[in-house]
Amino acid sequence: LGLCLYRRQMEAGMVDEANVTFLKIVDELERIDRRVRQQGPATEDQPANVQQDSAASIRLLIVEEDANQRELLAGLLSIRGCEVTAASDGQEALDYLSSNEWPDFLLLDMRMPRCDGAATVRQIRESHASPNLKILAISGTSPDEFGISTGANGVDQWFPKPVNPEGLIRYMNQVRSVDQGLQQSTGDMAAGA
């Protein structure tokens, strides 16, 4: 997102503002690099909270019409270990879902020119094809504006734009941990029966 802002500032001739933005981007990248180096690769000897910070094995579909935002978010999440697929609008996402294995999460921009987020959510929820799919709405507006509920018939979580990748990863890891705990409990109960 910062790179997109930087490029637009440069295109607009706002060189001083672009330089400030560039320095902020470099600072943020250095901060991320330091944190990744401190964590190192996750091993069985490391505490559980370090392992949970990893987004490995999370499969997600990002649906975002803005190519720069889509690529930046996909890149950030891929670096963290997510399996990322991207679509430019709701119709492309629906086409993908109809012919591929469903991901764990759908990150869905709500404002798109062709098959917006609300229509996409409704079609997915009506299909009942994957009750385990978590739909995460990403928008600069409130859920009320789109007439979409939060819960089983709507979106599972609403994230404001610009989305915070760290918060997004934390949320997905929490959901995954809860789901894995439920699966383990169900398996334990079945084994005891």
Protein backbone atom coordinates (compact mmCIF):
# COMPACT_ATOMS: atom_id res chain seq x y z
CA LEU A 1 0.00 0.00 0.00
CA GLY A 2 2.86 2.30 0.82
CA LEU A 3 4.49 1.60 -2.53
CA CYS A 4 1.24 2.43 -4.30
CA LEU A 5 1.05 5.73 -2.41
CA TYR A 6 4.69 6.45 -3.21
CA ARG A 7 4.17 5.86 -6.93
CA ARG A 8 1.06 8.03 -7.04
CA GLN A 9 2.84 10.83 -5.20
CA MET A 10 5.72 10.65 -7.69
CA GLU A 11 3.29 10.69 -10.62
CA ALA A 12 1.63 13.77 -9.14
CA GLY A 13 4.99 15.54 -8.80
CA MET A 14 4.84 15.44 -4.98
CA VAL A 15 8.53 14.56 -4.66
CA ASP A 16 9.01 15.70 -1.04
CA GLU A 17 5.94 13.79 0.16
CA ALA A 18 7.02 10.74 -1.88
CA ASN A 19 10.45 10.79 -0.22
CA VAL A 20 8.83 10.83 3.24
CA THR A 21 6.58 7.91 2.22
CA PHE A 22 9.58 5.99 0.87
CA LEU A 23 11.46 6.43 4.16
CA LYS A 24 8.42 5.13 6.06
CA ILE A 25 8.29 2.08 3.78
CA VAL A 26 11.98 1.37 4.37
CA ASP A 27 11.50 1.72 8.16
CA GLU A 28 8.55 -0.68 8.09
CA LEU A 29 10.45 -3.24 6.01
CA GLU A 30 13.42 -3.07 8.38
CA ARG A 31 11.09 -3.55 11.37
CA ILE A 32 9.51 -6.61 9.72
CA ASP A 33 12.95 -7.99 8.84
CA ARG A 34 14.15 -7.59 12.45
CA ARG A 35 11.08 -9.35 13.80
CA VAL A 36 11.41 -12.25 11.34
CA ARG A 37 15.09 -12.66 12.20
CA GLN A 38 14.31 -12.70 15.94
CA GLN A 39 11.72 -15.42 15.48
CA GLY A 40 13.83 -17.61 13.26
CA PRO A 41 12.40 -20.81 11.83
CA ALA A 42 9.74 -22.47 13.97
CA THR A 43 10.86 -25.75 15.53
CA GLU A 44 9.30 -28.13 18.01
CA ASP A 45 11.58 -26.71 20.72
CA GLN A 46 10.16 -23.20 20.37
CA PRO A 47 7.23 -22.02 22.50
CA ALA A 48 3.75 -22.44 21.07
CA ASN A 49 3.17 -18.68 20.73
CA VAL A 50 6.05 -18.40 18.26
CA GLN A 51 4.68 -21.24 16.16
CA GLN A 52 1.19 -19.73 16.17
CA ASP A 53 2.51 -16.51 14.65
CA SER A 54 3.18 -18.42 11.43
CA ALA A 55 0.51 -18.42 8.74
CA ALA A 56 1.79 -21.65 7.18
CA SER A 57 -0.83 -23.91 5.66
CA ILE A 58 -3.51 -21.21 5.59
CA ARG A 59 -5.12 -21.25 2.16
CA LEU A 60 -6.84 -18.08 1.07
CA LEU A 61 -8.38 -16.34 -1.90
CA ILE A 62 -7.94 -12.57 -2.09
CA VAL A 63 -10.60 -10.73 -4.08
CA GLU A 64 -9.56 -7.12 -4.69
CA GLU A 65 -10.14 -5.01 -7.78
CA ASP A 66 -7.10 -2.77 -7.23
CA ALA A 67 -4.17 -4.69 -8.72
CA ASN A 68 -1.56 -2.92 -6.57
CA GLN A 69 -3.38 -3.65 -3.30
CA ARG A 70 -4.11 -7.23 -4.39
CA GLU A 71 -0.48 -7.94 -5.30
CA LEU A 72 0.94 -6.26 -2.21
CA LEU A 73 -1.37 -8.11 0.18
CA ALA A 74 -0.84 -11.41 -1.66
CA GLY A 75 2.92 -10.90 -1.48
CA LEU A 76 2.90 -10.09 2.24
CA LEU A 77 0.74 -13.09 3.08
CA SER A 78 2.76 -15.42 0.85
CA ILE A 79 5.95 -14.35 2.59
CA ARG A 80 4.31 -15.37 5.87
CA GLY A 81 3.62 -18.85 4.50
CA CYS A 82 0.05 -18.59 3.26
CA GLU A 83 -1.05 -20.31 0.05
CA VAL A 84 -2.55 -17.34 -1.79
CA THR A 85 -4.72 -17.18 -4.89
CA ALA A 86 -6.02 -13.85 -6.16
CA ALA A 87 -9.04 -12.68 -8.13
CA SER A 88 -9.88 -9.22 -9.43
CA ASP A 89 -13.64 -9.30 -8.73
CA GLY A 90 -16.47 -11.37 -7.33
CA GLN A 91 -17.27 -13.12 -10.59
CA GLU A 92 -13.66 -14.24 -11.03
CA ALA A 93 -13.72 -15.52 -7.43
CA LEU A 94 -16.95 -17.46 -8.00
CA ASP A 95 -15.51 -18.97 -11.18
CA TYR A 96 -12.39 -20.01 -9.26
CA LEU A 97 -14.43 -21.54 -6.42
CA SER A 98 -16.58 -23.51 -8.86
CA SER A 99 -13.61 -25.38 -10.29
CA ASN A 100 -11.00 -25.54 -7.50
CA GLU A 101 -10.66 -26.76 -3.93
CA TRP A 102 -12.07 -24.13 -1.60
CA PRO A 103 -9.64 -22.15 0.53
CA ASP A 104 -9.85 -21.70 4.30
CA PHE A 105 -10.44 -17.95 4.00
CA LEU A 106 -11.86 -15.57 1.43
CA LEU A 107 -10.59 -11.98 1.78
CA LEU A 108 -13.21 -9.98 -0.06
CA ASP A 109 -13.18 -6.35 -1.10
CA MET A 110 -16.77 -5.14 -0.88
CA ARG A 111 -16.65 -2.49 -3.63
CA MET A 112 -16.06 -4.00 -7.05
CA PRO A 113 -17.58 -3.09 -10.41
CA ARG A 114 -18.44 -6.63 -11.54
CA CYS A 115 -20.18 -8.79 -8.93
CA ASP A 116 -19.54 -6.73 -5.78
CA GLY A 117 -18.75 -8.17 -2.38
CA ALA A 118 -22.35 -8.35 -1.16
CA ALA A 119 -23.49 -10.33 -4.23
CA THR A 120 -20.47 -12.62 -3.91
CA VAL A 121 -21.19 -13.34 -0.24
CA ARG A 122 -24.84 -14.12 -0.97
CA GLN A 123 -23.99 -16.52 -3.79
CA ILE A 124 -21.36 -18.34 -1.73
CA ARG A 125 -23.60 -18.69 1.33
CA GLU A 126 -26.57 -19.85 -0.78
CA SER A 127 -24.44 -22.55 -2.44
CA HIS A 128 -23.67 -24.24 0.91
CA ALA A 129 -20.64 -25.76 -0.84
CA SER A 130 -18.25 -25.16 2.04
CA PRO A 131 -19.63 -24.35 5.48
CA ASN A 132 -16.04 -24.12 6.78
CA LEU A 133 -15.09 -21.20 4.50
CA LYS A 134 -14.49 -18.02 6.50
CA ILE A 135 -15.36 -14.85 4.59
CA LEU A 136 -13.43 -11.77 5.68
CA ALA A 137 -14.78 -8.50 4.30
CA ILE A 138 -12.30 -5.72 3.60
CA SER A 139 -13.78 -2.27 3.11
CA GLY A 140 -13.51 1.38 3.98
CA THR A 141 -17.20 1.42 4.93
CA SER A 142 -19.43 -0.30 7.48
CA PRO A 143 -21.26 -3.63 7.02
CA ASP A 144 -24.61 -1.83 7.26
CA GLU A 145 -23.99 -0.03 3.98
CA PHE A 146 -23.98 -3.35 2.10
CA GLY A 147 -26.84 -5.06 3.92
CA ILE A 148 -24.59 -7.98 4.86
CA SER A 149 -24.82 -9.55 8.29
CA THR A 150 -21.95 -10.85 10.35
CA GLY A 151 -22.22 -14.56 11.03
CA ALA A 152 -23.11 -17.81 9.28
CA ASN A 153 -25.21 -16.14 6.55
CA GLY A 154 -22.87 -13.23 5.93
CA VAL A 155 -19.25 -12.38 6.56
CA ASP A 156 -17.33 -13.89 9.45
CA GLN A 157 -15.26 -10.78 10.15
CA TRP A 158 -15.05 -7.21 8.90
CA PHE A 159 -11.62 -5.56 8.42
CA PRO A 160 -11.33 -1.83 7.67
CA LYS A 161 -9.12 -0.56 4.83
CA PRO A 162 -6.22 -0.23 4.76
CA VAL A 163 -6.02 -3.73 6.15
CA ASN A 164 -3.38 -4.49 8.77
CA PRO A 165 -1.67 -7.69 7.55
CA GLU A 166 -0.43 -8.56 11.07
CA GLY A 167 -3.94 -8.31 12.52
CA LEU A 168 -5.30 -10.33 9.63
CA ILE A 169 -2.75 -13.11 10.19
CA ARG A 170 -3.42 -13.12 13.94
CA TYR A 171 -7.15 -13.48 13.30
CA MET A 172 -6.69 -16.32 10.79
CA ASN A 173 -4.35 -18.16 13.17
CA GLN A 174 -6.86 -17.81 16.03
CA VAL A 175 -9.69 -19.15 13.87
CA ARG A 176 -7.51 -22.02 12.67
CA SER A 177 -6.52 -22.89 16.26
CA VAL A 178 -10.16 -22.94 17.36
CA ASP A 179 -11.15 -25.08 14.35
CA GLN A 180 -8.30 -27.52 15.00
CA GLY A 181 -9.31 -27.74 18.67
CA LEU A 182 -12.90 -28.52 17.69
CA GLN A 183 -11.77 -31.19 15.22
CA GLN A 184 -9.55 -32.78 17.86
CA SER A 185 -12.40 -32.75 20.43
CA THR A 186 -14.77 -34.33 17.95
CA GLY A 187 -12.16 -36.99 17.09
CA ASP A 188 -11.53 -37.71 20.78
CA MET A 189 -15.27 -38.10 21.44
CA ALA A 190 -15.68 -40.43 18.46
CA ALA A 191 -12.74 -42.55 19.62
CA GLY A 192 -14.24 -42.86 23.12
CA ALA A 193 -17.67 -43.90 21.84
